[in-house]
């Protein structure tokens, strides 16, 4: 019985630890803007019965400011993880400490009593991104990310369709907000620290 309780306590502790935020010092941790380049030749991928059209190459270094796993919504078979990412001012712990952040239902929301930076900086230097891992190893690493991780992702912004009429298309700008503003990324490379 004691062994069972000990194993249960260790499992609960490991689960809670895996969601714990990684502490980072104040100051801008990611100075780069995301790099997006248009694709001129048609290129596609297939995954789980879905057709994935590559729209633009995408290279981003960012701080994970929130992470949410999905298991039961329609997109979960393709995109099991959404990451709310921040770069430039939105990678600064001093800024993030003054903003309340929530994520769920495939959206990322934020609010602040007093803006630590101008509102347009918050809106253009953070985004909710739906992640489509290209392989099982990338999926495993995606699922291990937690707030505070610094990441480098290379891949493509995509549009996903299937024979039943399902359509899910990435935003192609960082300046939009609201419904349809999330990036949908086919990830071919993921580094984290």
Protein backbone atom coordinates (compact mmCIF):
# COMPACT_ATOMS: atom_id res chain seq x y z
CA UNK A 1 0.00 0.00 0.00
CA UNK A 2 2.80 2.43 0.87
CA UNK A 3 4.50 1.72 -2.46
CA UNK A 4 1.23 2.47 -4.29
CA UNK A 5 0.82 5.79 -2.46
CA UNK A 6 4.46 6.71 -3.07
CA UNK A 7 4.19 5.94 -6.79
CA UNK A 8 0.93 7.93 -6.98
CA UNK A 9 2.53 10.91 -5.23
CA UNK A 10 5.54 10.78 -7.55
CA UNK A 11 3.31 10.69 -10.64
CA UNK A 12 1.25 13.66 -9.42
CA UNK A 13 4.44 15.54 -8.56
CA UNK A 14 5.93 14.82 -11.99
CA UNK A 15 2.74 16.02 -13.69
CA UNK A 16 2.67 19.25 -11.67
CA UNK A 17 6.38 19.82 -12.26
CA UNK A 18 5.93 19.36 -16.04
CA UNK A 19 3.49 22.32 -16.13
CA UNK A 20 5.55 24.54 -13.86
CA UNK A 21 6.87 27.72 -15.46
CA UNK A 22 10.60 28.06 -16.02
CA UNK A 23 11.88 31.19 -14.30
CA UNK A 24 13.69 33.64 -16.58
CA UNK A 25 15.37 36.95 -15.65
CA UNK A 26 13.97 40.32 -16.72
CA UNK A 27 15.06 41.77 -20.03
CA UNK A 28 14.33 40.90 -23.64
CA UNK A 29 15.32 37.25 -24.16
CA UNK A 30 14.42 36.98 -27.85
CA UNK A 31 15.44 39.93 -30.02
CA UNK A 32 14.44 38.44 -33.39
CA UNK A 33 11.22 38.93 -35.32
CA UNK A 34 9.67 35.82 -36.95
CA UNK A 35 10.85 35.34 -40.53
CA UNK A 36 8.23 34.42 -43.13
CA UNK A 37 8.86 33.89 -46.84
CA UNK A 38 6.28 33.28 -49.54
CA UNK A 39 6.41 29.96 -51.38
CA UNK A 40 6.08 30.29 -55.15
CA UNK A 41 5.91 26.61 -56.13
CA UNK A 42 3.04 24.47 -54.85
CA UNK A 43 4.14 22.01 -52.18
CA UNK A 44 2.07 19.72 -49.97
CA UNK A 45 2.26 17.19 -47.16
CA UNK A 46 -0.19 14.53 -45.94
CA UNK A 47 -0.96 13.55 -42.36
CA UNK A 48 -3.74 11.45 -40.82
CA UNK A 49 -5.91 11.76 -43.95
CA UNK A 50 -5.48 15.53 -44.20
CA UNK A 51 -4.00 17.43 -47.13
CA UNK A 52 -1.54 20.12 -45.98
CA UNK A 53 -0.65 22.91 -48.41
CA UNK A 54 2.47 24.90 -47.57
CA UNK A 55 1.76 28.66 -47.81
CA UNK A 56 4.97 30.27 -46.53
CA UNK A 57 8.20 29.20 -44.87
CA UNK A 58 8.31 30.21 -41.22
CA UNK A 59 11.23 30.55 -38.81
CA UNK A 60 10.60 31.78 -35.28
CA UNK A 61 12.61 32.14 -32.08
CA UNK A 62 10.30 32.84 -29.16
CA UNK A 63 9.49 32.36 -25.51
CA UNK A 64 6.66 30.00 -24.61
CA UNK A 65 4.25 32.12 -22.57
CA UNK A 66 1.51 29.47 -22.41
CA UNK A 67 1.06 25.90 -23.67
CA UNK A 68 -2.15 23.92 -24.05
CA UNK A 69 -2.60 20.29 -25.09
CA UNK A 70 -5.64 19.11 -27.05
CA UNK A 71 -6.95 15.56 -27.19
CA UNK A 72 -10.61 15.71 -28.14
CA UNK A 73 -11.27 18.59 -30.53
CA UNK A 74 -11.37 18.03 -34.29
CA UNK A 75 -7.87 19.42 -34.84
CA UNK A 76 -6.16 17.36 -32.10
CA UNK A 77 -5.11 14.53 -34.44
CA UNK A 78 -3.10 17.11 -36.43
CA UNK A 79 -2.27 19.73 -33.82
CA UNK A 80 -2.07 18.25 -30.31
CA UNK A 81 -0.45 21.40 -28.85
CA UNK A 82 -1.04 25.15 -29.09
CA UNK A 83 1.72 27.46 -27.95
CA UNK A 84 1.22 31.12 -27.06
CA UNK A 85 4.57 32.59 -28.04
CA UNK A 86 6.20 35.94 -27.33
CA UNK A 87 9.20 37.62 -28.88
CA UNK A 88 11.04 40.93 -28.40
CA UNK A 89 9.23 42.83 -25.56
CA UNK A 90 6.88 39.88 -25.04
CA UNK A 91 9.82 37.65 -24.11
CA UNK A 92 10.69 39.91 -21.14
CA UNK A 93 9.74 38.50 -17.72
CA UNK A 94 9.29 42.03 -16.35
CA UNK A 95 6.62 42.69 -19.01
CA UNK A 96 4.95 39.27 -18.74
CA UNK A 97 4.61 39.56 -14.95
CA UNK A 98 2.23 42.48 -15.50
CA UNK A 99 -0.03 40.63 -17.96
CA UNK A 100 -2.54 37.92 -17.07
CA UNK A 101 -2.56 35.21 -19.73
CA UNK A 102 -5.11 32.50 -20.42
CA UNK A 103 -5.22 29.82 -23.09
CA UNK A 104 -7.88 27.29 -24.06
CA UNK A 105 -10.38 26.46 -26.77
CA UNK A 106 -7.66 27.15 -29.35
CA UNK A 107 -7.36 30.81 -28.34
CA UNK A 108 -4.96 32.87 -26.26
CA UNK A 109 -6.27 35.82 -24.28
CA UNK A 110 -4.51 38.41 -22.18
CA UNK A 111 -5.44 41.37 -20.00
CA UNK A 112 -3.52 43.96 -18.05
CA UNK A 113 -4.59 46.55 -15.49
CA UNK A 114 -1.87 48.87 -16.76
CA UNK A 115 -0.08 48.19 -20.02
CA UNK A 116 3.63 47.51 -19.37
CA UNK A 117 4.23 48.21 -23.09
CA UNK A 118 1.87 49.71 -25.68
CA UNK A 119 -1.10 47.47 -26.55
CA UNK A 120 -0.03 47.10 -30.19
CA UNK A 121 3.32 45.66 -28.99
CA UNK A 122 1.48 42.99 -27.00
CA UNK A 123 -0.73 42.20 -30.01
CA UNK A 124 2.05 42.13 -32.63
CA UNK A 125 4.76 40.43 -30.56
CA UNK A 126 2.76 37.51 -29.21
CA UNK A 127 0.44 35.01 -30.84
CA UNK A 128 -1.34 31.71 -30.35
CA UNK A 129 0.10 29.13 -32.73
CA UNK A 130 -1.37 25.73 -33.59
CA UNK A 131 1.49 23.25 -33.94
CA UNK A 132 1.45 20.35 -36.43
CA UNK A 133 4.48 18.15 -35.74
CA UNK A 134 6.06 16.56 -38.83
CA UNK A 135 7.04 13.42 -36.89
CA UNK A 136 6.67 11.61 -33.55
CA UNK A 137 9.93 12.98 -32.11
CA UNK A 138 8.84 16.59 -32.70
CA UNK A 139 5.42 15.78 -31.19
CA UNK A 140 7.05 14.33 -28.07
CA UNK A 141 9.23 17.42 -27.67
CA UNK A 142 6.26 19.75 -28.27
CA UNK A 143 4.32 18.03 -25.50
CA UNK A 144 7.22 18.54 -23.07
CA UNK A 145 7.34 22.34 -23.53
CA UNK A 146 6.21 24.58 -20.71
CA UNK A 147 5.93 28.33 -20.10
CA UNK A 148 9.38 29.87 -19.93
CA UNK A 149 10.97 27.57 -22.51
CA UNK A 150 12.84 29.39 -25.25
CA UNK A 151 12.33 27.76 -28.63
CA UNK A 152 13.43 27.88 -32.24
CA UNK A 153 10.95 26.47 -34.78
CA UNK A 154 11.42 26.06 -38.50
CA UNK A 155 8.61 24.96 -40.75
CA UNK A 156 5.73 26.29 -42.80
CA UNK A 157 2.50 28.20 -42.36
CA UNK A 158 -0.14 25.95 -43.88
CA UNK A 159 -3.71 25.39 -44.97
CA UNK A 160 -5.24 22.03 -44.05
CA UNK A 161 -8.19 20.41 -45.85
CA UNK A 162 -9.79 16.98 -46.12
CA UNK A 163 -12.34 15.21 -48.35
CA UNK A 164 -15.19 15.99 -45.94
CA UNK A 165 -14.79 19.74 -46.46
CA UNK A 166 -12.75 20.52 -43.34
CA UNK A 167 -10.58 23.63 -43.80
CA UNK A 168 -8.11 25.22 -41.36
CA UNK A 169 -5.91 28.05 -42.64
CA UNK A 170 -3.03 29.87 -41.00
CA UNK A 171 -2.87 33.59 -40.56
CA UNK A 172 -0.13 35.05 -42.74
CA UNK A 173 0.54 38.16 -40.65
CA UNK A 174 1.50 38.89 -37.05
CA UNK A 175 -0.60 42.05 -36.87
CA UNK A 176 -4.09 40.51 -36.90
CA UNK A 177 -6.17 39.72 -33.80
CA UNK A 178 -9.35 37.79 -33.06
CA UNK A 179 -10.82 34.80 -34.91
CA UNK A 180 -8.56 33.52 -37.67
CA UNK A 181 -5.47 35.32 -36.34
CA UNK A 182 -3.62 32.20 -35.18
CA UNK A 183 -0.75 30.67 -37.08
CA UNK A 184 -1.04 27.02 -38.14
CA UNK A 185 2.50 25.66 -38.41
CA UNK A 186 3.86 22.46 -39.94
CA UNK A 187 6.99 21.98 -37.78
CA UNK A 188 10.03 20.34 -39.35
CA UNK A 189 12.59 21.49 -36.76
CA UNK A 190 12.22 22.29 -33.04
CA UNK A 191 14.92 23.28 -30.56
CA UNK A 192 14.22 24.30 -26.96
CA UNK A 193 16.24 25.46 -23.97
